[in-house]
Full PDB file with SEQRES, HELIX, SHEET, SSBOND, CRYST1, ORIGX, SCALE, CONECT and MASTER records, all heavy atoms in Angstrom:
SEQRES   1 A   38  HIS ASP HIS GLY PRO ARG LEU ARG THR TRP LYS ASP ASN          
SEQRES   2 A   38  GLU GLY LEU PHE GLU ILE GLN GLY SER PHE VAL GLN MET          
SEQRES   3 A   38  ARG ASP HIS LYS VAL GLN LEU CYS LYS SER ASP GLY              
SHEET    1 AA1 3 ARG A   8  LYS A  11  0                                        
SHEET    2 AA1 3 GLU A  18  ARG A  27 -1                                        
SHEET    3 AA1 3 LYS A  30  LYS A  35 -1                                        
CRYST1    1.000    1.000    1.000  90.00  90.00  90.00 P 1           1          
ORIGX1      1.000000  0.000000  0.000000        0.00000                         
ORIGX2      0.000000  1.000000  0.000000        0.00000                         
ORIGX3      0.000000  0.000000  1.000000        0.00000                         
SCALE1      1.000000  0.000000  0.000000        0.00000                         
SCALE2      0.000000  1.000000  0.000000        0.00000                         
SCALE3      0.000000  0.000000  1.000000        0.00000                         
ATOM      1  N   HIS A   1     111.475 123.982 109.560  1.00  0.00           N  
ATOM      2  CA  HIS A   1     110.567 124.060 108.422  1.00  0.00           C  
ATOM      3  C   HIS A   1     110.227 122.650 107.949  1.00  0.00           C  
ATOM      4  O   HIS A   1     110.568 122.260 106.849  1.00  0.00           O  
ATOM      5  CB  HIS A   1     111.185 124.860 107.277  1.00  0.00           C  
ATOM      6  CG  HIS A   1     111.397 126.300 107.623  1.00  0.00           C  
ATOM      7  ND1 HIS A   1     110.388 127.235 107.580  1.00  0.00           N  
ATOM      8  CD2 HIS A   1     112.487 126.957 108.032  1.00  0.00           C  
ATOM      9  CE1 HIS A   1     110.870 128.410 107.948  1.00  0.00           C  
ATOM     10  NE2 HIS A   1     112.141 128.273 108.230  1.00  0.00           N  
ATOM     11  N   ASP A   2     109.583 121.896 108.819  1.00  0.00           N  
ATOM     12  CA  ASP A   2     109.248 120.515 108.488  1.00  0.00           C  
ATOM     13  C   ASP A   2     107.893 120.507 107.802  1.00  0.00           C  
ATOM     14  O   ASP A   2     106.870 120.732 108.429  1.00  0.00           O  
ATOM     15  CB  ASP A   2     109.224 119.660 109.753  1.00  0.00           C  
ATOM     16  CG  ASP A   2     108.885 118.208 109.454  1.00  0.00           C  
ATOM     17  OD1 ASP A   2     108.930 117.814 108.279  1.00  0.00           O  
ATOM     18  OD2 ASP A   2     108.571 117.481 110.394  1.00  0.00           O  
ATOM     19  N   HIS A   3     107.890 120.273 106.493  1.00  0.00           N  
ATOM     20  CA  HIS A   3     106.643 120.269 105.751  1.00  0.00           C  
ATOM     21  C   HIS A   3     106.101 118.861 105.565  1.00  0.00           C  
ATOM     22  O   HIS A   3     105.123 118.652 104.889  1.00  0.00           O  
ATOM     23  CB  HIS A   3     106.834 120.929 104.382  1.00  0.00           C  
ATOM     24  CG  HIS A   3     107.279 122.358 104.487  1.00  0.00           C  
ATOM     25  ND1 HIS A   3     106.472 123.355 104.991  1.00  0.00           N  
ATOM     26  CD2 HIS A   3     108.449 122.946 104.173  1.00  0.00           C  
ATOM     27  CE1 HIS A   3     107.144 124.509 104.969  1.00  0.00           C  
ATOM     28  NE2 HIS A   3     108.336 124.289 104.490  1.00  0.00           N  
ATOM     29  N   GLY A   4     106.791 117.877 106.145  1.00  0.00           N  
ATOM     30  CA  GLY A   4     106.346 116.496 106.026  1.00  0.00           C  
ATOM     31  C   GLY A   4     105.229 116.204 107.014  1.00  0.00           C  
ATOM     32  O   GLY A   4     104.649 117.116 107.612  1.00  0.00           O  
ATOM     33  N   PRO A   5     104.915 114.928 107.193  1.00  0.00           N  
ATOM     34  CA  PRO A   5     103.861 114.547 108.137  1.00  0.00           C  
ATOM     35  C   PRO A   5     104.233 115.006 109.541  1.00  0.00           C  
ATOM     36  O   PRO A   5     105.406 115.014 109.905  1.00  0.00           O  
ATOM     37  CB  PRO A   5     103.837 113.020 108.054  1.00  0.00           C  
ATOM     38  CG  PRO A   5     104.586 112.663 106.821  1.00  0.00           C  
ATOM     39  CD  PRO A   5     105.549 113.786 106.568  1.00  0.00           C  
ATOM     40  N   ARG A   6     103.236 115.421 110.295  1.00  0.00           N  
ATOM     41  CA  ARG A   6     103.508 115.868 111.657  1.00  0.00           C  
ATOM     42  C   ARG A   6     103.926 114.692 112.534  1.00  0.00           C  
ATOM     43  O   ARG A   6     103.279 113.657 112.552  1.00  0.00           O  
ATOM     44  CB  ARG A   6     102.262 116.522 112.247  1.00  0.00           C  
ATOM     45  CG  ARG A   6     102.136 117.967 111.836  1.00  0.00           C  
ATOM     46  CD  ARG A   6     101.330 118.748 112.858  1.00  0.00           C  
ATOM     47  NE  ARG A   6      99.991 118.195 113.028  1.00  0.00           N  
ATOM     48  CZ  ARG A   6      98.985 118.447 112.199  1.00  0.00           C  
ATOM     49  NH1 ARG A   6      99.163 119.197 111.149  1.00  0.00           N  
ATOM     50  NH2 ARG A   6      97.809 117.924 112.432  1.00  0.00           N  
ATOM     51  N   LEU A   7     105.010 114.889 113.266  1.00  0.00           N  
ATOM     52  CA  LEU A   7     105.465 113.878 114.203  1.00  0.00           C  
ATOM     53  C   LEU A   7     104.661 113.984 115.491  1.00  0.00           C  
ATOM     54  O   LEU A   7     104.371 115.074 115.969  1.00  0.00           O  
ATOM     55  CB  LEU A   7     106.952 114.070 114.522  1.00  0.00           C  
ATOM     56  CG  LEU A   7     107.915 113.840 113.372  1.00  0.00           C  
ATOM     57  CD1 LEU A   7     109.335 114.185 113.797  1.00  0.00           C  
ATOM     58  CD2 LEU A   7     107.861 112.395 112.907  1.00  0.00           C  
ATOM     59  N   ARG A   8     104.302 112.834 116.021  1.00  0.00           N  
ATOM     60  CA  ARG A   8     103.681 112.757 117.333  1.00  0.00           C  
ATOM     61  C   ARG A   8     104.614 111.977 118.239  1.00  0.00           C  
ATOM     62  O   ARG A   8     105.467 111.245 117.776  1.00  0.00           O  
ATOM     63  CB  ARG A   8     102.365 111.971 117.259  1.00  0.00           C  
ATOM     64  CG  ARG A   8     101.260 112.648 116.492  1.00  0.00           C  
ATOM     65  CD  ARG A   8     100.058 111.726 116.473  1.00  0.00           C  
ATOM     66  NE  ARG A   8      99.922 111.089 117.767  1.00  0.00           N  
ATOM     67  CZ  ARG A   8      98.953 111.317 118.667  1.00  0.00           C  
ATOM     68  NH1 ARG A   8      98.073 111.988 118.444  1.00  0.00           N  
ATOM     69  NH2 ARG A   8      98.889 110.793 119.830  1.00  0.00           N  
ATOM     70  N   THR A   9     104.413 112.113 119.525  1.00  0.00           N  
ATOM     71  CA  THR A   9     105.094 111.235 120.475  1.00  0.00           C  
ATOM     72  C   THR A   9     104.097 110.156 120.874  1.00  0.00           C  
ATOM     73  O   THR A   9     103.082 110.437 121.518  1.00  0.00           O  
ATOM     74  CB  THR A   9     105.564 112.013 121.712  1.00  0.00           C  
ATOM     75  OG1 THR A   9     106.477 113.029 121.296  1.00  0.00           O  
ATOM     76  CG2 THR A   9     106.283 111.075 122.682  1.00  0.00           C  
ATOM     77  N   TRP A  10     104.370 108.948 120.437  1.00  0.00           N  
ATOM     78  CA  TRP A  10     103.479 107.814 120.709  1.00  0.00           C  
ATOM     79  C   TRP A  10     103.957 107.114 121.969  1.00  0.00           C  
ATOM     80  O   TRP A  10     105.136 106.807 122.106  1.00  0.00           O  
ATOM     81  CB  TRP A  10     103.508 106.843 119.527  1.00  0.00           C  
ATOM     82  CG  TRP A  10     103.067 107.479 118.253  1.00  0.00           C  
ATOM     83  CD1 TRP A  10     103.819 108.278 117.437  1.00  0.00           C  
ATOM     84  CD2 TRP A  10     101.787 107.384 117.647  1.00  0.00           C  
ATOM     85  NE1 TRP A  10     103.070 108.690 116.370  1.00  0.00           N  
ATOM     86  CE2 TRP A  10     101.812 108.148 116.465  1.00  0.00           C  
ATOM     87  CE3 TRP A  10     100.605 106.717 117.996  1.00  0.00           C  
ATOM     88  CZ2 TRP A  10     100.708 108.273 115.626  1.00  0.00           C  
ATOM     89  CZ3 TRP A  10      99.516 106.836 117.149  1.00  0.00           C  
ATOM     90  CH2 TRP A  10      99.572 107.608 115.986  1.00  0.00           C  
ATOM     91  N   LYS A  11     103.027 106.858 122.883  1.00  0.00           N  
ATOM     92  CA  LYS A  11     103.375 106.178 124.127  1.00  0.00           C  
ATOM     93  C   LYS A  11     102.594 104.866 124.208  1.00  0.00           C  
ATOM     94  O   LYS A  11     101.458 104.789 123.757  1.00  0.00           O  
ATOM     95  CB  LYS A  11     103.020 107.046 125.331  1.00  0.00           C  
ATOM     96  CG  LYS A  11     103.791 108.367 125.391  1.00  0.00           C  
ATOM     97  CD  LYS A  11     103.375 109.137 126.629  1.00  0.00           C  
ATOM     98  CE  LYS A  11     104.232 110.374 126.852  1.00  0.00           C  
ATOM     99  NZ  LYS A  11     103.984 111.451 125.875  1.00  0.00           N  
ATOM    100  N   ASP A  12     103.232 103.872 124.821  1.00  0.00           N  
ATOM    101  CA  ASP A  12     102.494 102.623 125.003  1.00  0.00           C  
ATOM    102  C   ASP A  12     101.738 102.673 126.326  1.00  0.00           C  
ATOM    103  O   ASP A  12     101.938 103.564 127.154  1.00  0.00           O  
ATOM    104  CB  ASP A  12     103.433 101.412 124.947  1.00  0.00           C  
ATOM    105  CG  ASP A  12     104.257 101.272 126.216  1.00  0.00           C  
ATOM    106  OD1 ASP A  12     104.709 102.321 126.741  1.00  0.00           O  
ATOM    107  OD2 ASP A  12     104.459 100.149 126.681  1.00  0.00           O  
ATOM    108  N   ASN A  13     100.859 101.711 126.515  1.00  0.00           N  
ATOM    109  CA  ASN A  13      99.947 101.764 127.653  1.00  0.00           C  
ATOM    110  C   ASN A  13     100.609 101.359 128.966  1.00  0.00           C  
ATOM    111  O   ASN A  13      99.991 101.425 130.017  1.00  0.00           O  
ATOM    112  CB  ASN A  13      98.697 100.896 127.396  1.00  0.00           C  
ATOM    113  CG  ASN A  13      99.048  99.462 127.044  1.00  0.00           C  
ATOM    114  OD1 ASN A  13     100.196  99.042 127.168  1.00  0.00           O  
ATOM    115  ND2 ASN A  13      98.067  98.707 126.599  1.00  0.00           N  
ATOM    116  N   GLU A  14     101.876 100.921 128.924  1.00  0.00           N  
ATOM    117  CA  GLU A  14     102.584 100.573 130.152  1.00  0.00           C  
ATOM    118  C   GLU A  14     103.726 101.545 130.435  1.00  0.00           C  
ATOM    119  O   GLU A  14     104.483 101.348 131.385  1.00  0.00           O  
ATOM    120  CB  GLU A  14     103.136  99.146 130.058  1.00  0.00           C  
ATOM    121  CG  GLU A  14     102.048  98.093 129.939  1.00  0.00           C  
ATOM    122  CD  GLU A  14     102.628  96.721 129.640  1.00  0.00           C  
ATOM    123  OE1 GLU A  14     103.816  96.498 129.944  1.00  0.00           O  
ATOM    124  OE2 GLU A  14     101.899  95.881 129.089  1.00  0.00           O  
ATOM    125  N   GLY A  15     103.874 102.559 129.603  1.00  0.00           N  
ATOM    126  CA  GLY A  15     104.932 103.530 129.823  1.00  0.00           C  
ATOM    127  C   GLY A  15     106.327 103.001 129.531  1.00  0.00           C  
ATOM    128  O   GLY A  15     107.309 103.524 130.043  1.00  0.00           O  
ATOM    129  N   LEU A  16     106.418 101.966 128.705  1.00  0.00           N  
ATOM    130  CA  LEU A  16     107.714 101.350 128.428  1.00  0.00           C  
ATOM    131  C   LEU A  16     108.457 102.051 127.295  1.00  0.00           C  
ATOM    132  O   LEU A  16     109.676 102.040 127.254  1.00  0.00           O  
ATOM    133  CB  LEU A  16     107.545  99.873 128.070  1.00  0.00           C  
ATOM    134  CG  LEU A  16     106.978  98.996 129.188  1.00  0.00           C  
ATOM    135  CD1 LEU A  16     106.802  97.569 128.697  1.00  0.00           C  
ATOM    136  CD2 LEU A  16     107.887  99.025 130.402  1.00  0.00           C  
ATOM    137  N   PHE A  17     107.724 102.637 126.357  1.00  0.00           N  
ATOM    138  CA  PHE A  17     108.420 103.283 125.251  1.00  0.00           C  
ATOM    139  C   PHE A  17     107.705 104.540 124.798  1.00  0.00           C  
ATOM    140  O   PHE A  17     106.514 104.720 125.054  1.00  0.00           O  
ATOM    141  CB  PHE A  17     108.600 102.323 124.058  1.00  0.00           C  
ATOM    142  CG  PHE A  17     107.314 101.890 123.405  1.00  0.00           C  
ATOM    143  CD1 PHE A  17     106.617 102.734 122.545  1.00  0.00           C  
ATOM    144  CD2 PHE A  17     106.801 100.622 123.626  1.00  0.00           C  
ATOM    145  CE1 PHE A  17     105.453 102.323 121.936  1.00  0.00           C  
ATOM    146  CE2 PHE A  17     105.619 100.217 123.027  1.00  0.00           C  
ATOM    147  CZ  PHE A  17     104.955 101.066 122.182  1.00  0.00           C  
ATOM    148  N   GLU A  18     108.476 105.404 124.180  1.00  0.00           N  
ATOM    149  CA  GLU A  18     107.930 106.554 123.478  1.00  0.00           C  
ATOM    150  C   GLU A  18     108.561 106.545 122.099  1.00  0.00           C  
ATOM    151  O   GLU A  18     109.764 106.348 121.969  1.00  0.00           O  
ATOM    152  CB  GLU A  18     108.309 107.865 124.173  1.00  0.00           C  
ATOM    153  CG  GLU A  18     107.525 108.143 125.418  1.00  0.00           C  
ATOM    154  CD  GLU A  18     107.811 109.542 125.952  1.00  0.00           C  
ATOM    155  OE1 GLU A  18     108.464 110.335 125.249  1.00  0.00           O  
ATOM    156  OE2 GLU A  18     107.385 109.826 127.078  1.00  0.00           O  
ATOM    157  N   ILE A  19     107.743 106.724 121.080  1.00  0.00           N  
ATOM    158  CA  ILE A  19     108.240 106.756 119.709  1.00  0.00           C  
ATOM    159  C   ILE A  19     107.863 108.100 119.108  1.00  0.00           C  
ATOM    160  O   ILE A  19     106.693 108.466 119.092  1.00  0.00           O  
ATOM    161  CB  ILE A  19     107.635 105.623 118.862  1.00  0.00           C  
ATOM    162  CG1 ILE A  19     108.040 104.255 119.417  1.00  0.00           C  
ATOM    163  CG2 ILE A  19     108.065 105.763 117.395  1.00  0.00           C  
ATOM    164  CD1 ILE A  19     107.328 103.090 118.738  1.00  0.00           C  
ATOM    165  N   GLN A  20     108.872 108.822 118.637  1.00  0.00           N  
ATOM    166  CA  GLN A  20     108.603 110.034 117.873  1.00  0.00           C  
ATOM    167  C   GLN A  20     108.386 109.603 116.432  1.00  0.00           C  
ATOM    168  O   GLN A  20     109.298 109.064 115.805  1.00  0.00           O  
ATOM    169  CB  GLN A  20     109.810 110.979 117.945  1.00  0.00           C  
ATOM    170  CG  GLN A  20     109.873 111.797 119.208  1.00  0.00           C  
ATOM    171  CD  GLN A  20     109.013 113.050 119.120  1.00  0.00           C  
ATOM    172  OE1 GLN A  20     108.917 113.665 118.083  1.00  0.00           O  
ATOM    173  NE2 GLN A  20     108.392 113.407 120.224  1.00  0.00           N  
ATOM    174  N   GLY A  21     107.198 109.811 115.929  1.00  0.00           N  
ATOM    175  CA  GLY A  21     106.957 109.382 114.568  1.00  0.00           C  
ATOM    176  C   GLY A  21     105.635 109.893 114.045  1.00  0.00           C  
ATOM    177  O   GLY A  21     104.821 110.432 114.786  1.00  0.00           O  
ATOM    178  N   SER A  22     105.457 109.703 112.739  1.00  0.00           N  
ATOM    179  CA  SER A  22     104.201 110.094 112.116  1.00  0.00           C  
ATOM    180  C   SER A  22     103.428 108.841 111.745  1.00  0.00           C  
ATOM    181  O   SER A  22     104.008 107.797 111.431  1.00  0.00           O  
ATOM    182  CB  SER A  22     104.465 110.940 110.865  1.00  0.00           C  
ATOM    183  OG  SER A  22     105.320 110.260 109.965  1.00  0.00           O  
ATOM    184  N   PHE A  23     102.113 108.955 111.796  1.00  0.00           N  
ATOM    185  CA  PHE A  23     101.243 107.828 111.488  1.00  0.00           C  
ATOM    186  C   PHE A  23     101.301 107.518 109.997  1.00  0.00           C  
ATOM    187  O   PHE A  23     101.213 108.421 109.161  1.00  0.00           O  
ATOM    188  CB  PHE A  23      99.812 108.192 111.898  1.00  0.00           C  
ATOM    189  CG  PHE A  23      98.792 107.157 111.513  1.00  0.00           C  
ATOM    190  CD1 PHE A  23      98.659 105.999 112.261  1.00  0.00           C  
ATOM    191  CD2 PHE A  23      97.977 107.348 110.421  1.00  0.00           C  
ATOM    192  CE1 PHE A  23      97.709 105.044 111.914  1.00  0.00           C  
ATOM    193  CE2 PHE A  23      97.024 106.397 110.069  1.00  0.00           C  
ATOM    194  CZ  PHE A  23      96.901 105.247 110.822  1.00  0.00           C  
ATOM    195  N   VAL A  24     101.490 106.244 109.657  1.00  0.00           N  
ATOM    196  CA  VAL A  24     101.499 105.831 108.259  1.00  0.00           C  
ATOM    197  C   VAL A  24     100.184 105.151 107.912  1.00  0.00           C  
ATOM    198  O   VAL A  24      99.448 105.582 107.031  1.00  0.00           O  
ATOM    199  CB  VAL A  24     102.686 104.890 107.953  1.00  0.00           C  
ATOM    200  CG1 VAL A  24     102.686 104.473 106.492  1.00  0.00           C  
ATOM    201  CG2 VAL A  24     104.007 105.569 108.317  1.00  0.00           C  
ATOM    202  N   GLN A  25      99.878 104.069 108.604  1.00  0.00           N  
ATOM    203  CA  GLN A  25      98.667 103.315 108.291  1.00  0.00           C  
ATOM    204  C   GLN A  25      98.335 102.402 109.455  1.00  0.00           C  
ATOM    205  O   GLN A  25      99.158 102.181 110.342  1.00  0.00           O  
ATOM    206  CB  GLN A  25      98.879 102.478 107.029  1.00  0.00           C  
ATOM    207  CG  GLN A  25      99.982 101.437 107.192  1.00  0.00           C  
ATOM    208  CD  GLN A  25     100.144 100.540 105.972  1.00  0.00           C  
ATOM    209  OE1 GLN A  25      99.176 100.229 105.292  1.00  0.00           O  
ATOM    210  NE2 GLN A  25     101.380 100.120 105.708  1.00  0.00           N  
ATOM    211  N   MET A  26      97.106 101.878 109.427  1.00  0.00           N  
ATOM    212  CA  MET A  26      96.719 100.845 110.375  1.00  0.00           C  
ATOM    213  C   MET A  26      96.254  99.636 109.594  1.00  0.00           C  
ATOM    214  O   MET A  26      95.525  99.761 108.609  1.00  0.00           O  
ATOM    215  CB  MET A  26      95.593 101.324 111.297  1.00  0.00           C  
ATOM    216  CG  MET A  26      95.252 100.291 112.373  1.00  0.00           C  
ATOM    217  SD  MET A  26      94.061 100.900 113.601  1.00  0.00           S  
ATOM    218  CE  MET A  26      92.536 100.684 112.705  1.00  0.00           C  
ATOM    219  N   ARG A  27      96.718  98.464 109.988  1.00  0.00           N  
ATOM    220  CA  ARG A  27      96.311  97.224 109.328  1.00  0.00           C  
ATOM    221  C   ARG A  27      96.350  96.095 110.350  1.00  0.00           C  
ATOM    222  O   ARG A  27      97.304  95.970 111.105  1.00  0.00           O  
ATOM    223  CB  ARG A  27      97.290  96.916 108.177  1.00  0.00           C  
ATOM    224  CG  ARG A  27      96.848  95.745 107.303  1.00  0.00           C  
ATOM    225  CD  ARG A  27      97.975  95.256 106.411  1.00  0.00           C  
ATOM    226  NE  ARG A  27      98.466  96.325 105.551  1.00  0.00           N  
ATOM    227  CZ  ARG A  27      99.694  96.354 105.046  1.00  0.00           C  
ATOM    228  NH1 ARG A  27     100.563  95.418 105.344  1.00  0.00           N  
ATOM    229  NH2 ARG A  27     100.071  97.338 104.253  1.00  0.00           N  
ATOM    230  N   ASP A  28      95.311  95.287 110.353  1.00  0.00           N  
ATOM    231  CA  ASP A  28      95.249  94.121 111.249  1.00  0.00           C  
ATOM    232  C   ASP A  28      95.517  94.514 112.705  1.00  0.00           C  
ATOM    233  O   ASP A  28      96.272  93.847 113.403  1.00  0.00           O  
ATOM    234  CB  ASP A  28      96.261  93.055 110.797  1.00  0.00           C  
ATOM    235  CG  ASP A  28      95.979  92.566 109.391  1.00  0.00           C  
ATOM    236  OD1 ASP A  28      94.796  92.545 109.002  1.00  0.00           O  
ATOM    237  OD2 ASP A  28      96.937  92.215 108.678  1.00  0.00           O  
ATOM    238  N   HIS A  29      94.909  95.614 113.130  1.00  0.00           N  
ATOM    239  CA  HIS A  29      95.045  96.070 114.515  1.00  0.00           C  
ATOM    240  C   HIS A  29      96.491  96.394 114.879  1.00  0.00           C  
ATOM    241  O   HIS A  29      96.877  96.311 116.039  1.00  0.00           O  
ATOM    242  CB  HIS A  29      94.467  95.036 115.504  1.00  0.00           C  
ATOM    243  CG  HIS A  29      93.019  94.768 115.255  1.00  0.00           C  
ATOM    244  ND1 HIS A  29      92.026  95.676 115.566  1.00  0.00           N  
ATOM    245  CD2 HIS A  29      92.394  93.696 114.701  1.00  0.00           C  
ATOM    246  CE1 HIS A  29      90.847  95.167 115.222  1.00  0.00           C  
ATOM    247  NE2 HIS A  29      91.046  93.975 114.697  1.00  0.00           N  
ATOM    248  N   LYS A  30      97.293  96.731 113.876  1.00  0.00           N  
ATOM    249  CA  LYS A  30      98.639  97.228 114.132  1.00  0.00           C  
ATOM    250  C   LYS A  30      98.784  98.587 113.458  1.00  0.00           C  
ATOM    251  O   LYS A  30      98.181  98.850 112.429  1.00  0.00           O  
ATOM    252  CB  LYS A  30      99.707  96.264 113.593  1.00  0.00           C  
ATOM    253  CG  LYS A  30      99.779  94.961 114.353  1.00  0.00           C  
ATOM    254  CD  LYS A  30     101.031  94.172 114.013  1.00  0.00           C  
ATOM    255  CE  LYS A  30     101.005  93.613 112.600  1.00  0.00           C  
ATOM    256  NZ  LYS A  30     100.076  92.481 112.462  1.00  0.00           N  
ATOM    257  N   VAL A  31      99.593  99.432 114.070  1.00  0.00           N  
ATOM    258  CA  VAL A  31      99.811 100.784 113.559  1.00  0.00           C  
ATOM    259  C   VAL A  31     101.237 100.879 113.049  1.00  0.00           C  
ATOM    260  O   VAL A  31     102.182 100.475 113.739  1.00  0.00           O  
ATOM    261  CB  VAL A  31      99.573 101.828 114.674  1.00  0.00           C  
ATOM    262  CG1 VAL A  31      99.891 103.226 114.181  1.00  0.00           C  
ATOM    263  CG2 VAL A  31      98.139 101.756 115.167  1.00  0.00           C  
ATOM    264  N   GLN A  32     101.392 101.390 111.825  1.00  0.00           N  
ATOM    265  CA  GLN A  32     102.734 101.607 111.289  1.00  0.00           C  
ATOM    266  C   GLN A  32     103.098 103.070 111.474  1.00  0.00           C  
ATOM    267  O   GLN A  32     102.345 103.969 111.092  1.00  0.00           O  
ATOM    268  CB  GLN A  32     102.807 101.243 109.806  1.00  0.00           C  
ATOM    269  CG  GLN A  32     104.230 101.306 109.278  1.00  0.00           C  
ATOM    270  CD  GLN A  32     104.323 100.948 107.797  1.00  0.00           C  
ATOM    271  OE1 GLN A  32     103.383 101.155 107.043  1.00  0.00           O  
ATOM    272  NE2 GLN A  32     105.456 100.423 107.399  1.00  0.00           N  
ATOM    273  N   LEU A  33     104.253 103.295 112.104  1.00  0.00           N  
ATOM    274  CA  LEU A  33     104.743 104.648 112.349  1.00  0.00           C  
ATOM    275  C   LEU A  33     106.040 104.843 111.590  1.00  0.00           C  
ATOM    276  O   LEU A  33     106.837 103.917 111.463  1.00  0.00           O  
ATOM    277  CB  LEU A  33     105.003 104.848 113.855  1.00  0.00           C  
ATOM    278  CG  LEU A  33     103.831 104.575 114.790  1.00  0.00           C  
ATOM    279  CD1 LEU A  33     104.270 104.730 116.242  1.00  0.00           C  
ATOM    280  CD2 LEU A  33     102.662 105.484 114.471  1.00  0.00           C  
ATOM    281  N   CYS A  34     106.231 106.059 111.087  1.00  0.00           N  
ATOM    282  CA  CYS A  34     107.483 106.413 110.430  1.00  0.00           C  
ATOM    283  C   CYS A  34     108.242 107.336 111.363  1.00  0.00           C  
ATOM    284  O   CYS A  34     107.787 108.438 111.673  1.00  0.00           O  
ATOM    285  CB  CYS A  34     107.220 107.107 109.091  1.00  0.00           C  
ATOM    286  SG  CYS A  34     108.733 107.546 108.217  1.00  0.00           S  
ATOM    287  N   LYS A  35     109.404 106.861 111.832  1.00  0.00           N  
ATOM    288  CA  LYS A  35     110.163 107.634 112.795  1.00  0.00           C  
ATOM    289  C   LYS A  35     110.918 108.758 112.088  1.00  0.00           C  
ATOM    290  O   LYS A  35     111.021 108.794 110.863  1.00  0.00           O  
ATOM    291  CB  LYS A  35     111.133 106.720 113.549  1.00  0.00           C  
ATOM    292  CG  LYS A  35     110.392 105.621 114.310  1.00  0.00           C  
ATOM    293  CD  LYS A  35     111.217 105.052 115.436  1.00  0.00           C  
ATOM    294  CE  LYS A  35     112.243 104.060 114.918  1.00  0.00           C  
ATOM    295  NZ  LYS A  35     112.891 103.327 116.031  1.00  0.00           N  
ATOM    296  N   SER A  36     111.457 109.676 112.885  1.00  0.00           N  
ATOM    297  CA  SER A  36     112.089 110.866 112.314  1.00  0.00           C  
ATOM    298  C   SER A  36     113.316 110.519 111.471  1.00  0.00           C  
ATOM    299  O   SER A  36     113.707 111.295 110.606  1.00  0.00           O  
ATOM    300  CB  SER A  36     112.476 111.843 113.430  1.00  0.00           C  
ATOM    301  OG  SER A  36     113.206 111.181 114.441  1.00  0.00           O  
ATOM    302  N   ASP A  37     113.916 109.349 111.714  1.00  0.00           N  
ATOM    303  CA  ASP A  37     115.081 108.956 110.898  1.00  0.00           C  
ATOM    304  C   ASP A  37     114.664 108.222 109.631  1.00  0.00           C  
ATOM    305  O   ASP A  37     115.507 107.741 108.878  1.00  0.00           O  
ATOM    306  CB  ASP A  37     116.049 108.103 111.709  1.00  0.00           C  
ATOM    307  CG  ASP A  37     115.428 106.802 112.204  1.00  0.00           C  
ATOM    308  OD1 ASP A  37     114.257 106.527 111.863  1.00  0.00           O  
ATOM    309  OD2 ASP A  37     116.112 106.064 112.922  1.00  0.00           O  
ATOM    310  N   GLY A  38     113.345 108.118 109.393  1.00  0.00           N  
ATOM    311  CA  GLY A  38     112.869 107.508 108.165  1.00  0.00           C  
ATOM    312  C   GLY A  38     112.558 106.028 108.261  1.00  0.00           C  
ATOM    313  O   GLY A  38     112.017 105.461 107.327  1.00  0.00           O  
TER     314      GLY A  38                                                      
MASTER        0    0    0    0    3    0    0    6  313    1    0    3          
END                                                                             
């Protein structure tokens, strides 16, 4: 029953990492993600 922001699985363009997190904001061509642990 997760009523918070929907988590996505974010992948990088080289397949080096996957981040489970929700989108927070974008600034200066960077994306801030909030991971499931906060």
